[in-house]
Amino acid sequence: MSDRVPQSLEIVTFRLARGSVEAFVAANAAVNDWLRRQPGFISRHLAEHDDGRLVDAVLWQSHDAALAAAAKMMEEMAQSEAMTMIDPVGLEMSHARIRLSIA
């Protein structure tokens, strides 16, 4: 059994309250810069379902790093342009420890 701390995947599913997906992607420059400065950040991927729902998947080095960044984001980035475009109704956020990963 490995003593390695499992990475964590943050998954946020939401719809936009206003603006287009293209405008939302452009508005994420500040969020991306903020994420890159967070301890444990590895990568971020934004995907769009056919029905317009968006999925934001962020990979973290550990579950603790993911939870710490999520708490800080609510304090530090809540008023960013990108965050104000998100419809809070129906927003779902979860964090899960990675148990299998292949590339």
Protein backbone atom coordinates (compact mmCIF):
# COMPACT_ATOMS: atom_id res chain seq x y z
CA MET A 1 0.00 0.00 0.00
CA SER A 2 1.32 3.45 -0.93
CA ASP A 3 1.89 6.22 1.61
CA ARG A 4 1.36 8.76 -1.17
CA VAL A 5 -1.37 11.31 -0.48
CA PRO A 6 -4.07 10.93 -3.15
CA GLN A 7 -4.71 13.84 -5.44
CA SER A 8 -8.16 15.42 -5.33
CA LEU A 9 -10.57 16.39 -8.08
CA GLU A 10 -12.85 19.38 -7.57
CA ILE A 11 -15.95 19.20 -9.77
CA VAL A 12 -18.32 22.15 -10.10
CA THR A 13 -21.43 21.91 -12.29
CA PHE A 14 -23.41 25.06 -13.04
CA ARG A 15 -25.21 27.24 -15.57
CA LEU A 16 -24.51 30.84 -16.43
CA ALA A 17 -26.88 33.52 -15.13
CA ARG A 18 -25.74 35.92 -17.83
CA GLY A 19 -23.40 36.14 -20.78
CA SER A 20 -22.16 33.59 -23.28
CA VAL A 21 -19.80 30.71 -22.65
CA GLU A 22 -17.19 32.55 -24.73
CA ALA A 23 -17.53 35.64 -22.50
CA PHE A 24 -17.31 33.43 -19.41
CA VAL A 25 -14.12 31.78 -20.64
CA ALA A 26 -12.59 35.21 -21.35
CA ALA A 27 -13.65 36.47 -17.90
CA ASN A 28 -11.78 33.57 -16.25
CA ALA A 29 -8.31 35.07 -16.78
CA ALA A 30 -8.27 36.45 -13.21
CA VAL A 31 -9.54 33.15 -11.78
CA ASN A 32 -6.90 31.21 -13.71
CA ASP A 33 -4.14 33.50 -12.41
CA TRP A 34 -5.48 33.09 -8.87
CA LEU A 35 -5.61 29.27 -9.21
CA ARG A 36 -2.01 29.10 -10.47
CA ARG A 37 -0.87 30.83 -7.25
CA GLN A 38 -2.64 28.36 -4.95
CA PRO A 39 -0.58 25.67 -3.21
CA GLY A 40 -1.29 22.25 -4.69
CA PHE A 41 -2.93 23.41 -7.94
CA ILE A 42 -2.22 21.07 -10.88
CA SER A 43 -4.70 21.76 -13.69
CA ARG A 44 -8.12 23.05 -14.63
CA HIS A 45 -10.56 21.98 -17.34
CA LEU A 46 -13.87 23.61 -18.30
CA ALA A 47 -16.37 21.61 -20.34
CA GLU A 48 -19.84 22.32 -21.70
CA HIS A 49 -22.72 19.85 -21.90
CA ASP A 50 -25.07 19.95 -24.90
CA ASP A 51 -27.77 21.43 -22.65
CA GLY A 52 -25.59 24.40 -21.66
CA ARG A 53 -24.49 23.19 -18.23
CA LEU A 54 -20.81 23.77 -17.54
CA VAL A 55 -18.43 21.47 -15.67
CA ASP A 56 -15.32 22.95 -14.09
CA ALA A 57 -12.82 20.24 -13.06
CA VAL A 58 -9.75 21.24 -11.07
CA LEU A 59 -7.03 18.77 -10.13
CA TRP A 60 -5.20 19.31 -6.82
CA GLN A 61 -2.16 17.62 -5.28
CA SER A 62 -4.19 16.73 -2.18
CA HIS A 63 -7.70 16.82 -0.75
CA ASP A 64 -6.57 19.34 1.89
CA ALA A 65 -5.20 21.66 -0.81
CA ALA A 66 -8.50 21.45 -2.71
CA LEU A 67 -10.59 22.26 0.35
CA ALA A 68 -8.31 25.13 1.42
CA ALA A 69 -8.43 26.71 -2.04
CA ALA A 70 -12.22 26.34 -2.24
CA ALA A 71 -12.62 28.20 1.06
CA LYS A 72 -10.20 30.95 -0.03
CA MET A 73 -11.89 31.33 -3.41
CA MET A 74 -15.21 32.19 -1.77
CA GLU A 75 -13.45 34.99 0.14
CA GLU A 76 -11.04 36.27 -2.49
CA MET A 77 -12.69 35.70 -5.88
CA ALA A 78 -16.45 35.84 -5.22
CA GLN A 79 -16.76 39.29 -6.81
CA SER A 80 -14.66 38.49 -9.89
CA GLU A 81 -16.37 38.95 -13.27
CA ALA A 82 -16.43 35.20 -13.94
CA MET A 83 -17.93 34.29 -10.57
CA THR A 84 -20.70 36.89 -10.92
CA MET A 85 -21.73 35.29 -14.24
CA ILE A 86 -22.55 31.96 -12.55
CA ASP A 87 -26.15 31.16 -11.58
CA PRO A 88 -25.99 30.03 -7.94
CA VAL A 89 -29.28 28.14 -8.34
CA GLY A 90 -28.42 24.55 -9.14
CA LEU A 91 -24.67 25.00 -8.65
CA GLU A 92 -23.09 21.77 -7.37
CA MET A 93 -19.55 21.49 -6.01
CA SER A 94 -17.79 18.38 -4.78
CA HIS A 95 -14.28 17.17 -3.96
CA ALA A 96 -13.18 13.58 -4.44
CA ARG A 97 -9.91 11.79 -3.79
CA ILE A 98 -8.37 10.30 -6.94
CA ARG A 99 -8.19 6.48 -6.70
CA LEU A 100 -7.21 5.68 -10.30
CA SER A 101 -5.52 7.84 -12.90
CA ILE A 102 -4.11 6.90 -16.31
CA ALA A 103 -2.65 9.01 -19.11
